[in-house]
Each structure stands twice: as structure tokens, then as C-alpha cells.
C-alpha atoms as a PDB file:
ATOM      1  CA  MET A   1      -0.133   0.186  -0.090  1.00  0.00           C
ATOM      2  CA  SER A   2       1.560   3.249  -0.931  1.00  0.00           C
ATOM      3  CA  GLN A   3       1.429   6.467   1.317  1.00  0.00           C
ATOM      4  CA  SER A   4      -1.446   7.707  -0.340  1.00  0.00           C
ATOM      5  CA  ASP A   5      -3.581   4.627  -0.227  1.00  0.00           C
ATOM      6  CA  ALA A   6      -3.193   5.059   3.406  1.00  0.00           C
ATOM      7  CA  THR A   7      -4.521   8.556   3.850  1.00  0.00           C
ATOM      8  CA  GLY A   8      -7.573   8.171   1.835  1.00  0.00           C
ATOM      9  CA  ASN A   9     -11.283   7.980   3.157  1.00  0.00           C
ATOM     10  CA  LYS A  10     -12.946   5.131   3.437  1.00  0.00           C
ATOM     11  CA  VAL A  11     -16.652   4.782   2.603  1.00  0.00           C
ATOM     12  CA  VAL A  12     -19.865   2.696   2.346  1.00  0.00           C
ATOM     13  CA  ILE A  13     -22.311   2.603  -0.170  1.00  0.00           C
ATOM     14  CA  LEU A  14     -26.086   2.110   0.531  1.00  0.00           C
ATOM     15  CA  ALA A  15     -28.299   1.095  -2.508  1.00  0.00           C
ATOM     16  CA  SER A  16     -31.593  -0.919  -3.074  1.00  0.00           C
ATOM     17  CA  GLY A  17     -31.442  -1.783  -6.512  1.00  0.00           C
ATOM     18  CA  GLY A  18     -29.112  -3.058  -9.556  1.00  0.00           C
ATOM     19  CA  GLY A  19     -25.829  -1.239  -8.525  1.00  0.00           C
ATOM     20  CA  SER A  20     -24.870   0.426 -11.562  1.00  0.00           C
ATOM     21  CA  ASN A  21     -23.858   3.663  -9.855  1.00  0.00           C
ATOM     22  CA  ALA A  22     -22.417   1.433  -7.077  1.00  0.00           C
ATOM     23  CA  ARG A  23     -19.908  -0.213  -9.298  1.00  0.00           C
ATOM     24  CA  CYS A  24     -19.298   2.765 -11.066  1.00  0.00           C
ATOM     25  CA  ILE A  25     -18.153   4.335  -7.700  1.00  0.00           C
ATOM     26  CA  ILE A  26     -16.294   1.303  -6.664  1.00  0.00           C
ATOM     27  CA  ASP A  27     -14.350   1.363  -9.840  1.00  0.00           C
ATOM     28  CA  TYR A  28     -13.514   5.063  -9.990  1.00  0.00           C
ATOM     29  CA  LEU A  29     -12.584   5.499  -6.433  1.00  0.00           C
ATOM     30  CA  ARG A  30     -10.337   2.302  -6.944  1.00  0.00           C
ATOM     31  CA  ASP A  31      -8.743   3.221 -10.212  1.00  0.00           C
ATOM     32  CA  HIS A  32      -8.104   7.205  -9.678  1.00  0.00           C
ATOM     33  CA  THR A  33      -8.105   7.950  -6.036  1.00  0.00           C
ATOM     34  CA  SER A  34      -6.629   7.039  -2.610  1.00  0.00           C
ATOM     35  CA  HIS A  35     -10.109   6.727  -1.383  1.00  0.00           C
ATOM     36  CA  SER A  36     -12.140   3.154  -1.095  1.00  0.00           C
ATOM     37  CA  VAL A  37     -15.138   1.357  -0.837  1.00  0.00           C
ATOM     38  CA  LEU A  38     -15.178  -0.838   2.103  1.00  0.00           C
ATOM     39  CA  ALA A  39     -18.413  -2.231   1.988  1.00  0.00           C
ATOM     40  CA  VAL A  40     -22.101  -2.058   0.161  1.00  0.00           C
ATOM     41  CA  PHE A  41     -25.625  -2.557   2.397  1.00  0.00           C
ATOM     42  CA  THR A  42     -28.816  -3.281   0.745  1.00  0.00           C
ATOM     43  CA  ASN A  43     -32.175  -3.430   2.052  1.00  0.00           C
ATOM     44  CA  LYS A  44     -33.429  -5.778  -0.665  1.00  0.00           C
ATOM     45  CA  LYS A  45     -32.214  -9.579  -0.782  1.00  0.00           C
ATOM     46  CA  SER A  46     -32.382  -9.618  -4.511  1.00  0.00           C
ATOM     47  CA  ALA A  47     -30.604  -6.528  -5.350  1.00  0.00           C
ATOM     48  CA  GLY A  48     -28.227  -6.664  -8.001  1.00  0.00           C
ATOM     49  CA  VAL A  49     -25.972  -4.417  -6.277  1.00  0.00           C
ATOM     50  CA  LEU A  50     -24.787  -7.315  -4.015  1.00  0.00           C
ATOM     51  CA  GLU A  51     -23.623  -9.252  -7.023  1.00  0.00           C
ATOM     52  CA  LYS A  52     -21.704  -6.035  -8.358  1.00  0.00           C
ATOM     53  CA  ALA A  53     -20.079  -5.777  -5.098  1.00  0.00           C
ATOM     54  CA  ALA A  54     -18.832  -9.506  -5.196  1.00  0.00           C
ATOM     55  CA  ASP A  55     -17.526  -9.127  -8.577  1.00  0.00           C
ATOM     56  CA  ALA A  56     -15.536  -5.960  -7.322  1.00  0.00           C
ATOM     57  CA  ASN A  57     -14.363  -7.840  -4.325  1.00  0.00           C
ATOM     58  CA  ILE A  58     -16.351  -5.542  -2.015  1.00  0.00           C
ATOM     59  CA  GLU A  59     -18.310  -6.669   1.078  1.00  0.00           C
ATOM     60  CA  GLY A  60     -21.744  -6.851   0.381  1.00  0.00           C
ATOM     61  CA  TYR A  61     -24.464  -7.025   3.242  1.00  0.00           C
ATOM     62  CA  TYR A  62     -28.138  -7.430   3.310  1.00  0.00           C
ATOM     63  CA  LEU A  63     -30.137  -6.092   6.357  1.00  0.00           C
ATOM     64  CA  PRO A  64     -34.089  -5.336   6.878  1.00  0.00           C
ATOM     65  CA  SER A  65     -34.978  -2.067   6.330  1.00  0.00           C
ATOM     66  CA  LYS A  66     -35.513  -1.078  10.018  1.00  0.00           C
ATOM     67  CA  GLN A  67     -32.325  -2.862  10.716  1.00  0.00           C
ATOM     68  CA  LEU A  68     -30.220  -1.440   8.093  1.00  0.00           C
ATOM     69  CA  PRO A  69     -29.062   2.137   9.905  1.00  0.00           C
ATOM     70  CA  ASN A  70     -28.027   0.679  12.926  1.00  0.00           C
ATOM     71  CA  GLY A  71     -26.081  -1.858  11.160  1.00  0.00           C
ATOM     72  CA  VAL A  72     -24.283   0.327   8.911  1.00  0.00           C
ATOM     73  CA  LEU A  73     -23.652   2.671  11.851  1.00  0.00           C
ATOM     74  CA  ASP A  74     -22.029  -0.010  13.906  1.00  0.00           C
ATOM     75  CA  TYR A  75     -20.156  -1.019  10.708  1.00  0.00           C
ATOM     76  CA  ALA A  76     -18.950   2.502   9.907  1.00  0.00           C
ATOM     77  CA  ILE A  77     -17.766   3.214  13.636  1.00  0.00           C
ATOM     78  CA  ALA A  78     -15.804  -0.228  13.624  1.00  0.00           C
ATOM     79  CA  HIS A  79     -14.061   0.664  10.533  1.00  0.00           C
ATOM     80  CA  GLN A  80     -13.514   4.376  10.810  1.00  0.00           C
ATOM     81  CA  VAL A  81     -15.360   5.105   8.044  1.00  0.00           C
ATOM     82  CA  THR A  82     -15.242   8.825   6.999  1.00  0.00           C
ATOM     83  CA  ALA A  83     -18.781   9.051   4.629  1.00  0.00           C
ATOM     84  CA  ILE A  84     -21.939   7.210   3.475  1.00  0.00           C
ATOM     85  CA  ILE A  85     -23.016   7.070  -0.201  1.00  0.00           C
ATOM     86  CA  LEU A  86     -26.230   6.671  -1.212  1.00  0.00           C
ATOM     87  CA  ALA A  87     -26.701   5.102  -4.665  1.00  0.00           C
ATOM     88  CA  GLY A  88     -30.326   4.552  -5.433  1.00  0.00           C
ATOM     89  CA  TYR A  89     -31.205   3.477  -1.759  1.00  0.00           C
ATOM     90  CA  LEU A  90     -34.893   4.334  -1.329  1.00  0.00           C
ATOM     91  CA  GLN A  91     -35.187   4.849   2.335  1.00  0.00           C
ATOM     92  CA  LEU A  92     -35.494   8.017   4.356  1.00  0.00           C
ATOM     93  CA  ILE A  93     -32.149   8.171   6.404  1.00  0.00           C
ATOM     94  CA  PRO A  94     -33.061   8.367   9.908  1.00  0.00           C
ATOM     95  CA  PRO A  95     -31.684  11.034  12.679  1.00  0.00           C
ATOM     96  CA  THR A  96     -29.379   8.808  14.453  1.00  0.00           C
ATOM     97  CA  LEU A  97     -27.540   8.129  11.232  1.00  0.00           C
ATOM     98  CA  ILE A  98     -27.572  11.846   9.981  1.00  0.00           C
ATOM     99  CA  ASP A  99     -26.335  12.880  13.519  1.00  0.00           C
ATOM    100  CA  ALA A 100     -23.416  10.384  13.682  1.00  0.00           C
ATOM    101  CA  TYR A 101     -22.271  11.472  10.202  1.00  0.00           C
ATOM    102  CA  PRO A 102     -23.222  15.081   9.716  1.00  0.00           C
ATOM    103  CA  ASP A 103     -22.775  16.510   6.284  1.00  0.00           C
ATOM    104  CA  ARG A 104     -21.074  13.279   5.520  1.00  0.00           C
ATOM    105  CA  ILE A 105     -23.880  11.634   3.730  1.00  0.00           C
ATOM    106  CA  ILE A 106     -24.422  12.029   0.021  1.00  0.00           C
ATOM    107  CA  ASN A 107     -27.279  10.951  -2.287  1.00  0.00           C
ATOM    108  CA  ILE A 108     -28.019  11.164  -6.019  1.00  0.00           C
ATOM    109  CA  HIS A 109     -31.626  12.069  -7.580  1.00  0.00           C
ATOM    110  CA  PRO A 110     -32.580  11.431 -11.049  1.00  0.00           C
ATOM    111  CA  SER A 111     -33.864  14.865 -11.750  1.00  0.00           C
ATOM    112  CA  LEU A 112     -32.896  18.817 -11.443  1.00  0.00           C
ATOM    113  CA  LEU A 113     -33.968  19.339  -7.843  1.00  0.00           C
ATOM    114  CA  PRO A 114     -36.014  20.891  -6.363  1.00  0.00           C
ATOM    115  CA  GLN A 115     -38.323  19.787  -9.221  1.00  0.00           C
ATOM    116  CA  TYR A 116     -39.554  16.380  -9.126  1.00  0.00           C
ATOM    117  CA  GLY A 117     -38.194  15.520  -5.646  1.00  0.00           C
ATOM    118  CA  GLY A 118     -39.785  14.374  -2.350  1.00  0.00           C
ATOM    119  CA  HIS A 119     -41.435  11.459  -0.946  1.00  0.00           C
ATOM    120  CA  GLY A 120     -42.452   8.875  -3.671  1.00  0.00           C
ATOM    121  CA  MET A 121     -40.345  10.625  -6.310  1.00  0.00           C
ATOM    122  CA  TYR A 122     -37.710   7.858  -7.531  1.00  0.00           C
ATOM    123  CA  GLY A 123     -36.459   6.249 -10.447  1.00  0.00           C
ATOM    124  CA  HIS A 124     -39.303   5.493 -12.860  1.00  0.00           C
ATOM    125  CA  HIS A 125     -41.774   7.800 -11.019  1.00  0.00           C
ATOM    126  CA  VAL A 126     -39.507  10.667 -11.735  1.00  0.00           C
ATOM    127  CA  HIS A 127     -38.785  10.178 -15.478  1.00  0.00           C
ATOM    128  CA  GLN A 128     -42.548   9.621 -15.774  1.00  0.00           C
ATOM    129  CA  ALA A 129     -43.260  13.177 -14.659  1.00  0.00           C
ATOM    130  CA  VAL A 130     -40.721  14.622 -16.447  1.00  0.00           C
ATOM    131  CA  TYR A 131     -42.112  13.103 -19.591  1.00  0.00           C
ATOM    132  CA  ASP A 132     -45.775  13.819 -18.740  1.00  0.00           C
ATOM    133  CA  ALA A 133     -44.568  17.564 -18.264  1.00  0.00           C
ATOM    134  CA  LEU A 134     -43.138  17.791 -21.613  1.00  0.00           C
ATOM    135  CA  GLU A 135     -40.033  19.117 -20.056  1.00  0.00           C
ATOM    136  CA  GLU A 136     -37.217  20.274 -22.294  1.00  0.00           C
ATOM    137  CA  TYR A 137     -34.345  19.067 -19.876  1.00  0.00           C
ATOM    138  CA  SER A 138     -33.893  16.708 -16.966  1.00  0.00           C
ATOM    139  CA  GLY A 139     -30.735  15.548 -15.304  1.00  0.00           C
ATOM    140  CA  MET A 140     -29.414  14.529 -12.232  1.00  0.00           C
ATOM    141  CA  THR A 141     -28.554  16.416  -8.556  1.00  0.00           C
ATOM    142  CA  ILE A 142     -26.000  15.404  -6.229  1.00  0.00           C
ATOM    143  CA  HIS A 143     -26.652  16.578  -2.621  1.00  0.00           C
ATOM    144  CA  ILE A 144     -26.019  16.171   1.269  1.00  0.00           C
ATOM    145  CA  VAL A 145     -28.668  14.147   3.159  1.00  0.00           C
ATOM    146  CA  ASN A 146     -30.547  15.759   5.830  1.00  0.00           C
ATOM    147  CA  GLN A 147     -33.870  14.767   7.451  1.00  0.00           C
ATOM    148  CA  GLU A 148     -35.937  15.607   4.566  1.00  0.00           C
ATOM    149  CA  TYR A 149     -36.234  13.628   1.143  1.00  0.00           C
ATOM    150  CA  ASP A 150     -34.121  15.497  -1.722  1.00  0.00           C
ATOM    151  CA  LYS A 151     -33.564  18.655   0.427  1.00  0.00           C
ATOM    152  CA  GLY A 152     -30.038  18.547   1.182  1.00  0.00           C
ATOM    153  CA  LEU A 153     -27.443  21.047   0.042  1.00  0.00           C
ATOM    154  CA  ILE A 154     -26.885  20.698  -3.495  1.00  0.00           C
ATOM    155  CA  LEU A 155     -23.080  19.796  -4.866  1.00  0.00           C
ATOM    156  CA  SER A 156     -23.485  19.392  -8.350  1.00  0.00           C
ATOM    157  CA  GLN A 157     -26.144  19.318 -11.214  1.00  0.00           C
ATOM    158  CA  ALA A 158     -25.828  18.033 -14.735  1.00  0.00           C
ATOM    159  CA  LYS A 159     -28.645  18.347 -17.382  1.00  0.00           C
ATOM    160  CA  THR A 160     -29.403  16.718 -20.900  1.00  0.00           C
ATOM    161  CA  ARG A 161     -32.359  17.611 -23.363  1.00  0.00           C
ATOM    162  CA  VAL A 162     -35.218  15.261 -22.990  1.00  0.00           C
ATOM    163  CA  ASP A 163     -37.732  16.839 -25.472  1.00  0.00           C
ATOM    164  CA  ASP A 164     -36.936  14.576 -28.108  1.00  0.00           C
ATOM    165  CA  CYS A 165     -37.458  11.388 -26.017  1.00  0.00           C
ATOM    166  CA  LYS A 166     -40.452   9.122 -27.264  1.00  0.00           C
ATOM    167  CA  THR A 167     -40.706   7.232 -23.663  1.00  0.00           C
ATOM    168  CA  PRO A 168     -39.842   7.885 -20.026  1.00  0.00           C
ATOM    169  CA  THR A 169     -37.273   4.832 -20.236  1.00  0.00           C
ATOM    170  CA  GLU A 170     -35.462   7.139 -22.887  1.00  0.00           C
ATOM    171  CA  ILE A 171     -35.414   9.691 -20.513  1.00  0.00           C
ATOM    172  CA  ALA A 172     -33.811   7.409 -17.835  1.00  0.00           C
ATOM    173  CA  GLU A 173     -31.287   6.092 -20.101  1.00  0.00           C
ATOM    174  CA  ARG A 174     -29.902   9.654 -20.820  1.00  0.00           C
ATOM    175  CA  VAL A 175     -30.008  10.713 -17.443  1.00  0.00           C
ATOM    176  CA  LEU A 176     -28.223   7.301 -16.110  1.00  0.00           C
ATOM    177  CA  ARG A 177     -25.310   8.167 -18.372  1.00  0.00           C
ATOM    178  CA  LEU A 178     -25.167  11.591 -16.716  1.00  0.00           C
ATOM    179  CA  GLU A 179     -24.882   9.783 -13.173  1.00  0.00           C
ATOM    180  CA  HIS A 180     -22.373   7.461 -14.375  1.00  0.00           C
ATOM    181  CA  PHE A 181     -20.006  10.186 -15.334  1.00  0.00           C
ATOM    182  CA  HIS A 182     -20.576  12.878 -12.873  1.00  0.00           C
ATOM    183  CA  TYR A 183     -21.067  10.935  -9.457  1.00  0.00           C
ATOM    184  CA  PRO A 184     -17.864   8.839  -9.006  1.00  0.00           C
ATOM    185  CA  ARG A 185     -16.098  12.332  -9.984  1.00  0.00           C
ATOM    186  CA  VAL A 186     -18.180  14.625  -7.653  1.00  0.00           C
ATOM    187  CA  ILE A 187     -17.749  11.928  -4.783  1.00  0.00           C
ATOM    188  CA  ALA A 188     -13.996  11.805  -5.210  1.00  0.00           C
ATOM    189  CA  LYS A 189     -13.772  15.744  -5.032  1.00  0.00           C
ATOM    190  CA  TRP A 190     -16.027  15.849  -1.750  1.00  0.00           C
ATOM    191  CA  LEU A 191     -13.922  12.946  -0.215  1.00  0.00           C
ATOM    192  CA  ASP A 192     -10.630  15.072  -1.148  1.00  0.00           C
ATOM    193  CA  GLY A 193     -12.152  17.826   1.379  1.00  0.00           C
ATOM    194  CA  LEU A 194     -13.133  15.447   4.255  1.00  0.00           C
ATOM    195  CA  LYS A 195     -10.576  14.801   7.017  1.00  0.00           C
ATOM    196  CA  PRO A 196     -10.865  10.838   8.159  1.00  0.00           C
ATOM    197  CA  PRO A 197     -12.019  10.107  11.733  1.00  0.00           C
ATOM    198  CA  VAL A 198      -9.376  10.453  14.170  1.00  0.00           C
END
């Protein structure tokens, strides 16, 4: 391990779905930074993110939704985790975890917040709403997590034209390309500014 590897921040990822963003983050941090993903947690037994984590030689854990926050917190404290990354995790983060990691939990949302955010607005629901509203643009927003859905400090946004998309699925594909490119890079820059736990 190099000197830079020893000083990098350690993170965990929370995800509920297929894990394509999680895999992009794992690979980017591993290949381009001194930061590292220690583990992936999910509240879905069948979540594809567990397979993607295994393929990347990252520990993967399933915990029911009610148990996951405490399980993550116990793991994070034991392993001196600096930050928590949400990558398609669909549950509201409870105050206990936010209080333990203030301004150290980051999320990505598949719209240009504050539009199309809030409870129930995730995944295909967002893209359907954008499509129905005949929006010219959509995109993704990376933000700090607080105690309200999609209301934390915005760190970065990127947009793409969607007014020529024929279906919500086409919108989703364009937004996901933005996510795969920008999220790992924003995370890396954000982690560069965080001090690891003492």
C-alpha cells in the first residue's frame, strides 16, 4: 500500500437496486483516487448491487430496512468510515445516522432538484413525471442528505435535453449516463475535502 492509499477516506455505499452507480463509484475510487469503498449495504435480498459488489471484491450485506441504519452505523464506527454514499437507496435516512455523520452522507437524485423531488419521487416515477410535463431538460442532482427527502445542500447538477425522448425509459437512459459519469467524480472531489476520523 502506498502512502497515498493510507491517507484516503473509507466509505460505504447504501443501495436498493441493480447497483450500476455503485459499481461505477467502486471502480472510479479504486482506479483514480486514494479513497476506497469498504462495503455495500442493501435492504433488498435480491438487489443486483450485491452481485456487483462481489464481482468487485467488495463486502456486501443485506439487512432489513429497519435494521440497516444501525447495522451501517455499527460497521462505520468499527471501520473508521469517513462518509456514507447513497446510490439508489430508497429509504429515508433516520436522524441517528445523520447525527452520527453530519454533512457526510451524499445522495444522487434523477432530476434537477428542487423539481421532481420528495417522498415517492424516485426512479421511473421521476422520469414519468418529467415526460408527462413535456420538460425540455432533465438531469441529475448530487446533494448532502438531511432529514427530508431531497432537500439537502446541492453539490452538483448536470442536465441533458429530453424533449425529443419518445418514452420515459429514454429519459431514464440519458439521465443514467450523466449519473455514471458525474457521481464518481463529484464524490472523489468531495472526499478530498473530508478529513478521516481521528
